[in-house]
N, C-alpha and C. Protein backbone atom coordinates (compact mmCIF):
# COMPACT_ATOMS: atom_id res chain seq x y z
N MET A 1 -67.32 20.11 14.20
CA MET A 1 -66.57 18.91 14.43
C MET A 1 -65.60 18.65 13.28
N LYS A 2 -66.07 18.89 12.06
CA LYS A 2 -65.24 18.68 10.88
C LYS A 2 -64.02 19.62 10.92
N ALA A 3 -64.24 20.87 11.34
CA ALA A 3 -63.15 21.83 11.43
C ALA A 3 -62.14 21.41 12.49
N LEU A 4 -62.61 20.88 13.60
CA LEU A 4 -61.74 20.41 14.68
C LEU A 4 -60.88 19.24 14.20
N PHE A 5 -61.49 18.32 13.46
CA PHE A 5 -60.75 17.18 12.91
C PHE A 5 -59.68 17.66 11.92
N SER A 6 -60.02 18.63 11.07
CA SER A 6 -59.06 19.18 10.10
C SER A 6 -57.90 19.84 10.81
N LEU A 7 -58.18 20.60 11.86
CA LEU A 7 -57.14 21.27 12.63
C LEU A 7 -56.23 20.26 13.31
N ALA A 8 -56.80 19.22 13.89
CA ALA A 8 -56.01 18.17 14.54
C ALA A 8 -55.13 17.45 13.52
N SER A 9 -55.65 17.18 12.35
CA SER A 9 -54.88 16.51 11.29
C SER A 9 -53.72 17.37 10.83
N LEU A 10 -53.96 18.67 10.70
CA LEU A 10 -52.93 19.61 10.28
C LEU A 10 -51.82 19.69 11.33
N CYS A 11 -52.18 19.76 12.60
CA CYS A 11 -51.19 19.80 13.68
C CYS A 11 -50.36 18.52 13.70
N PHE A 12 -50.99 17.38 13.51
CA PHE A 12 -50.28 16.10 13.49
C PHE A 12 -49.30 16.05 12.33
N ALA A 13 -49.73 16.48 11.16
CA ALA A 13 -48.86 16.48 9.98
C ALA A 13 -47.67 17.42 10.18
N ALA A 14 -47.90 18.56 10.78
CA ALA A 14 -46.82 19.52 11.04
C ALA A 14 -45.81 18.95 12.02
N SER A 15 -46.29 18.21 13.01
CA SER A 15 -45.37 17.64 13.99
C SER A 15 -44.51 16.55 13.38
N LEU A 16 -45.01 15.87 12.36
CA LEU A 16 -44.22 14.82 11.71
C LEU A 16 -43.08 15.38 10.88
N SER A 17 -43.22 16.61 10.38
CA SER A 17 -42.20 17.17 9.51
C SER A 17 -41.28 18.15 10.24
N ALA A 18 -41.44 18.29 11.54
CA ALA A 18 -40.60 19.21 12.30
C ALA A 18 -39.20 18.62 12.44
N ALA A 19 -38.21 19.51 12.34
CA ALA A 19 -36.82 19.09 12.50
C ALA A 19 -36.39 19.26 13.95
N THR A 20 -35.38 18.51 14.35
CA THR A 20 -34.79 18.66 15.67
C THR A 20 -33.59 19.58 15.50
N THR A 21 -33.56 20.68 16.25
CA THR A 21 -32.48 21.66 16.09
C THR A 21 -31.75 21.89 17.41
N PHE A 22 -30.48 22.23 17.28
CA PHE A 22 -29.62 22.54 18.41
C PHE A 22 -28.81 23.79 18.06
N GLY A 23 -28.64 24.69 19.02
CA GLY A 23 -27.77 25.84 18.82
C GLY A 23 -28.31 26.84 17.82
N GLU A 24 -27.39 27.45 17.07
CA GLU A 24 -27.71 28.52 16.13
C GLU A 24 -28.53 28.02 14.94
N ASN A 25 -29.28 28.95 14.35
CA ASN A 25 -30.01 28.64 13.11
C ASN A 25 -29.01 28.45 11.98
N LEU A 26 -29.38 27.64 11.01
CA LEU A 26 -28.50 27.33 9.90
C LEU A 26 -28.96 28.01 8.63
N ASP A 27 -27.99 28.47 7.84
CA ASP A 27 -28.25 28.98 6.50
C ASP A 27 -27.84 27.86 5.55
N LYS A 28 -28.81 27.19 4.96
CA LYS A 28 -28.52 26.03 4.12
C LYS A 28 -28.34 26.39 2.65
N THR A 29 -28.11 27.67 2.35
CA THR A 29 -27.92 28.07 0.96
C THR A 29 -26.49 27.85 0.49
N ALA A 30 -25.53 27.74 1.40
CA ALA A 30 -24.12 27.54 1.03
C ALA A 30 -23.59 26.30 1.74
N LEU A 31 -23.98 25.13 1.25
CA LEU A 31 -23.57 23.87 1.87
C LEU A 31 -22.26 23.37 1.28
N THR A 32 -21.44 22.77 2.13
CA THR A 32 -20.22 22.10 1.71
C THR A 32 -20.46 20.61 1.87
N SER A 33 -20.14 19.84 0.85
CA SER A 33 -20.39 18.41 0.93
C SER A 33 -19.38 17.74 1.85
N VAL A 34 -19.81 16.67 2.48
CA VAL A 34 -18.92 15.88 3.33
C VAL A 34 -17.76 15.37 2.47
N ALA A 35 -18.04 14.97 1.24
CA ALA A 35 -17.00 14.46 0.35
C ALA A 35 -15.92 15.51 0.11
N SER A 36 -16.30 16.76 -0.07
CA SER A 36 -15.33 17.84 -0.28
C SER A 36 -14.43 18.03 0.94
N VAL A 37 -15.05 17.99 2.13
CA VAL A 37 -14.28 18.16 3.35
C VAL A 37 -13.31 16.99 3.51
N LEU A 38 -13.76 15.78 3.27
CA LEU A 38 -12.91 14.61 3.43
C LEU A 38 -11.78 14.57 2.39
N ALA A 39 -12.03 15.13 1.22
CA ALA A 39 -11.02 15.13 0.16
C ALA A 39 -9.83 16.02 0.51
N SER A 40 -10.08 17.15 1.18
CA SER A 40 -8.96 18.02 1.57
C SER A 40 -9.35 18.80 2.84
N PRO A 41 -9.37 18.10 3.97
CA PRO A 41 -9.81 18.72 5.21
C PRO A 41 -8.96 19.89 5.67
N ALA A 42 -7.67 19.88 5.37
CA ALA A 42 -6.80 20.98 5.80
C ALA A 42 -7.21 22.30 5.15
N THR A 43 -7.84 22.24 3.99
CA THR A 43 -8.34 23.44 3.30
C THR A 43 -9.39 24.15 4.14
N TYR A 44 -10.14 23.39 4.91
CA TYR A 44 -11.24 23.94 5.70
C TYR A 44 -10.87 24.21 7.15
N LEU A 45 -9.63 23.88 7.54
CA LEU A 45 -9.20 24.02 8.92
C LEU A 45 -9.43 25.43 9.46
N ASP A 46 -10.08 25.51 10.62
CA ASP A 46 -10.39 26.77 11.31
C ASP A 46 -11.33 27.69 10.53
N LYS A 47 -12.06 27.13 9.59
CA LYS A 47 -13.06 27.90 8.83
C LYS A 47 -14.45 27.43 9.20
N GLU A 48 -15.41 28.36 9.15
CA GLU A 48 -16.80 28.00 9.41
C GLU A 48 -17.43 27.51 8.12
N ILE A 49 -18.07 26.34 8.20
CA ILE A 49 -18.76 25.77 7.06
C ILE A 49 -20.08 25.17 7.54
N THR A 50 -20.96 24.89 6.60
CA THR A 50 -22.20 24.16 6.88
C THR A 50 -22.18 22.93 5.99
N ILE A 51 -22.32 21.76 6.61
CA ILE A 51 -22.30 20.51 5.86
C ILE A 51 -23.65 19.82 5.94
N GLU A 52 -23.87 18.92 4.99
CA GLU A 52 -25.08 18.11 4.95
C GLU A 52 -24.67 16.67 4.74
N GLY A 53 -25.32 15.76 5.45
CA GLY A 53 -25.03 14.35 5.26
C GLY A 53 -26.03 13.49 5.99
N THR A 54 -25.90 12.20 5.78
CA THR A 54 -26.73 11.23 6.48
C THR A 54 -26.02 10.81 7.74
N VAL A 55 -26.75 10.80 8.85
CA VAL A 55 -26.17 10.40 10.13
C VAL A 55 -25.91 8.90 10.08
N THR A 56 -24.65 8.52 10.26
CA THR A 56 -24.28 7.10 10.20
C THR A 56 -24.04 6.51 11.57
N ALA A 57 -23.78 7.35 12.57
CA ALA A 57 -23.56 6.86 13.93
C ALA A 57 -23.77 8.01 14.90
N VAL A 58 -24.16 7.66 16.14
CA VAL A 58 -24.35 8.63 17.22
C VAL A 58 -23.69 8.04 18.47
N CYS A 59 -23.00 8.87 19.23
CA CYS A 59 -22.39 8.44 20.48
C CYS A 59 -23.48 7.86 21.39
N THR A 60 -23.25 6.65 21.90
CA THR A 60 -24.26 5.99 22.72
C THR A 60 -24.10 6.29 24.22
N LYS A 61 -23.01 6.95 24.60
CA LYS A 61 -22.80 7.23 26.03
C LYS A 61 -23.26 8.65 26.40
N MET A 62 -22.62 9.65 25.82
CA MET A 62 -22.93 11.04 26.16
C MET A 62 -23.73 11.75 25.06
N HIS A 63 -23.93 11.07 23.92
CA HIS A 63 -24.66 11.65 22.78
C HIS A 63 -24.01 12.95 22.32
N CYS A 64 -22.67 12.97 22.36
CA CYS A 64 -21.92 14.20 22.10
C CYS A 64 -21.30 14.27 20.71
N TRP A 65 -21.42 13.22 19.92
CA TRP A 65 -20.92 13.26 18.56
C TRP A 65 -21.82 12.45 17.63
N MET A 66 -21.70 12.79 16.35
CA MET A 66 -22.37 12.04 15.28
C MET A 66 -21.38 11.96 14.13
N THR A 67 -21.54 10.97 13.28
CA THR A 67 -20.78 10.94 12.05
C THR A 67 -21.76 11.10 10.89
N LEU A 68 -21.30 11.82 9.87
CA LEU A 68 -22.11 12.09 8.69
C LEU A 68 -21.39 11.59 7.46
N ALA A 69 -22.13 11.17 6.47
CA ALA A 69 -21.59 10.75 5.18
C ALA A 69 -22.56 11.17 4.08
N SER A 70 -22.03 11.34 2.88
CA SER A 70 -22.89 11.68 1.74
C SER A 70 -23.47 10.44 1.09
N ASP A 71 -22.73 9.32 1.17
CA ASP A 71 -23.25 8.08 0.63
C ASP A 71 -22.64 6.90 1.39
N GLU A 72 -23.13 5.72 1.13
CA GLU A 72 -22.73 4.52 1.87
C GLU A 72 -21.24 4.19 1.76
N ALA A 73 -20.65 4.42 0.59
CA ALA A 73 -19.26 4.03 0.36
C ALA A 73 -18.27 5.06 0.92
N GLU A 74 -18.76 6.20 1.29
CA GLU A 74 -17.89 7.30 1.71
C GLU A 74 -17.45 7.16 3.16
N SER A 75 -16.26 7.63 3.44
CA SER A 75 -15.80 7.71 4.82
C SER A 75 -16.71 8.64 5.60
N ARG A 76 -16.64 8.52 6.89
CA ARG A 76 -17.51 9.32 7.75
C ARG A 76 -16.75 10.55 8.27
N PHE A 77 -17.49 11.64 8.49
CA PHE A 77 -16.92 12.87 9.04
C PHE A 77 -17.62 13.14 10.36
N ARG A 78 -16.84 13.34 11.41
CA ARG A 78 -17.39 13.47 12.76
C ARG A 78 -17.71 14.92 13.10
N ILE A 79 -18.85 15.12 13.76
CA ILE A 79 -19.16 16.39 14.40
C ILE A 79 -19.17 16.11 15.90
N LYS A 80 -18.55 16.99 16.68
CA LYS A 80 -18.35 16.73 18.10
C LYS A 80 -18.55 18.00 18.91
N VAL A 81 -19.32 17.87 20.01
CA VAL A 81 -19.52 18.98 20.95
C VAL A 81 -18.98 18.58 22.32
N LYS A 82 -18.78 19.56 23.18
CA LYS A 82 -18.43 19.24 24.57
C LYS A 82 -19.61 18.50 25.17
N ASP A 83 -19.32 17.50 26.00
CA ASP A 83 -20.37 16.71 26.64
C ASP A 83 -21.43 17.62 27.25
N GLY A 84 -22.68 17.41 26.87
CA GLY A 84 -23.80 18.16 27.43
C GLY A 84 -24.18 19.41 26.67
N ASP A 85 -23.29 19.95 25.79
CA ASP A 85 -23.64 21.16 25.04
C ASP A 85 -24.83 20.92 24.11
N MET A 86 -24.81 19.82 23.42
CA MET A 86 -25.91 19.37 22.57
C MET A 86 -26.00 17.87 22.83
N VAL A 87 -27.20 17.34 22.89
CA VAL A 87 -27.38 15.91 23.15
C VAL A 87 -28.09 15.32 21.92
N PHE A 88 -27.30 14.64 21.09
CA PHE A 88 -27.83 14.11 19.84
C PHE A 88 -28.60 12.81 20.11
N PRO A 89 -29.83 12.71 19.59
CA PRO A 89 -30.64 11.51 19.85
C PRO A 89 -30.16 10.32 19.01
N LEU A 90 -30.24 9.14 19.59
CA LEU A 90 -29.89 7.92 18.85
C LEU A 90 -30.79 7.73 17.64
N SER A 91 -31.99 8.27 17.70
CA SER A 91 -32.94 8.15 16.59
C SER A 91 -32.51 8.94 15.36
N ALA A 92 -31.45 9.73 15.46
CA ALA A 92 -30.96 10.50 14.32
C ALA A 92 -30.32 9.62 13.25
N LYS A 93 -29.86 8.44 13.65
CA LYS A 93 -29.17 7.55 12.71
C LYS A 93 -30.07 7.27 11.50
N GLY A 94 -29.49 7.48 10.32
CA GLY A 94 -30.22 7.26 9.07
C GLY A 94 -30.92 8.50 8.54
N LYS A 95 -30.97 9.56 9.33
CA LYS A 95 -31.65 10.79 8.91
C LYS A 95 -30.64 11.78 8.32
N THR A 96 -31.16 12.73 7.57
CA THR A 96 -30.33 13.80 7.04
C THR A 96 -30.09 14.84 8.12
N ALA A 97 -28.83 15.28 8.22
CA ALA A 97 -28.49 16.30 9.21
C ALA A 97 -27.67 17.40 8.54
N TYR A 98 -27.80 18.59 9.08
CA TYR A 98 -27.03 19.75 8.66
C TYR A 98 -26.28 20.23 9.90
N ALA A 99 -25.03 20.64 9.72
CA ALA A 99 -24.26 21.12 10.86
C ALA A 99 -23.40 22.30 10.41
N LYS A 100 -23.46 23.37 11.21
CA LYS A 100 -22.65 24.56 10.95
C LYS A 100 -21.62 24.65 12.08
N GLY A 101 -20.37 24.88 11.71
CA GLY A 101 -19.35 25.02 12.73
C GLY A 101 -17.97 25.22 12.14
N ILE A 102 -16.98 25.05 13.00
CA ILE A 102 -15.58 25.26 12.64
C ILE A 102 -14.88 23.90 12.54
N VAL A 103 -14.12 23.71 11.48
CA VAL A 103 -13.34 22.49 11.30
C VAL A 103 -12.08 22.60 12.15
N LYS A 104 -11.87 21.58 12.98
CA LYS A 104 -10.72 21.55 13.90
C LYS A 104 -9.98 20.22 13.74
N VAL A 105 -8.74 20.21 14.19
CA VAL A 105 -7.98 18.96 14.23
C VAL A 105 -8.57 18.10 15.34
N TRP A 106 -8.70 16.81 15.06
CA TRP A 106 -9.19 15.84 16.03
C TRP A 106 -7.97 15.04 16.50
N PRO A 107 -7.53 15.27 17.72
CA PRO A 107 -6.32 14.59 18.20
C PRO A 107 -6.45 13.07 18.11
N GLN A 108 -5.39 12.44 17.63
CA GLN A 108 -5.34 10.99 17.48
C GLN A 108 -4.20 10.44 18.33
N ALA A 109 -4.18 9.15 18.48
CA ALA A 109 -3.10 8.50 19.22
C ALA A 109 -1.77 8.74 18.49
N GLU A 110 -0.69 8.70 19.26
CA GLU A 110 0.63 8.91 18.68
C GLU A 110 0.88 7.92 17.55
N GLY A 111 1.40 8.43 16.45
CA GLY A 111 1.70 7.58 15.30
C GLY A 111 0.56 7.44 14.31
N LYS A 112 -0.62 7.94 14.65
CA LYS A 112 -1.76 7.86 13.74
C LYS A 112 -1.84 9.14 12.90
N ALA A 113 -2.42 9.01 11.72
CA ALA A 113 -2.58 10.16 10.82
C ALA A 113 -3.49 11.21 11.45
N GLU A 114 -3.22 12.46 11.12
CA GLU A 114 -4.03 13.57 11.61
C GLU A 114 -5.47 13.42 11.11
N ALA A 115 -6.42 13.75 11.95
CA ALA A 115 -7.84 13.68 11.57
C ALA A 115 -8.50 15.02 11.88
N TYR A 116 -9.67 15.21 11.31
CA TYR A 116 -10.39 16.47 11.45
C TYR A 116 -11.83 16.19 11.87
N GLN A 117 -12.45 17.19 12.49
CA GLN A 117 -13.85 17.09 12.89
C GLN A 117 -14.45 18.49 12.85
N LEU A 118 -15.76 18.54 12.82
CA LEU A 118 -16.47 19.81 12.88
C LEU A 118 -16.94 20.03 14.31
N VAL A 119 -16.64 21.19 14.85
CA VAL A 119 -17.15 21.58 16.17
C VAL A 119 -18.33 22.50 15.88
N PRO A 120 -19.55 21.98 16.03
CA PRO A 120 -20.72 22.72 15.56
C PRO A 120 -21.22 23.80 16.52
N THR A 121 -21.77 24.84 15.91
CA THR A 121 -22.49 25.88 16.66
C THR A 121 -23.99 25.74 16.43
N GLY A 122 -24.35 24.95 15.42
CA GLY A 122 -25.75 24.68 15.13
C GLY A 122 -25.89 23.37 14.38
N VAL A 123 -26.94 22.62 14.72
CA VAL A 123 -27.21 21.34 14.07
C VAL A 123 -28.70 21.22 13.85
N GLU A 124 -29.08 20.68 12.70
CA GLU A 124 -30.49 20.39 12.41
C GLU A 124 -30.58 18.96 11.91
N ILE A 125 -31.44 18.18 12.53
CA ILE A 125 -31.69 16.81 12.10
C ILE A 125 -33.09 16.78 11.50
N ALA A 126 -33.16 16.50 10.21
CA ALA A 126 -34.45 16.49 9.52
C ALA A 126 -35.23 15.25 9.91
N ASP A 127 -36.53 15.40 10.13
CA ASP A 127 -37.38 14.26 10.48
C ASP A 127 -38.13 13.78 9.27
């Protein structure tokens, strides 16, 4: 009985620390900060990078985008997938996330400054 309780406790603890993943596996050894991307996004245009940040918002309709930031005062950087490719949970807000993908131009309304976003091939939301 004691062994069964220990096994159940171990399984419960493992489930609490499991991450939510989408798409490709991530190599987190070469991370690019959100601040670096925001400082000069054109430098990263059409390049594959892996970023880390805190999820500050999640799309509430199709769950197709999230915004990440390195700290509270920092601007947010959007990651966006085609509707249905990955479905980001609303519970991700406030958690650390990693995203690997290609930096692309994010079309804006006429007269607005050019913006950028990451089109991810893999995302991990740490629990």
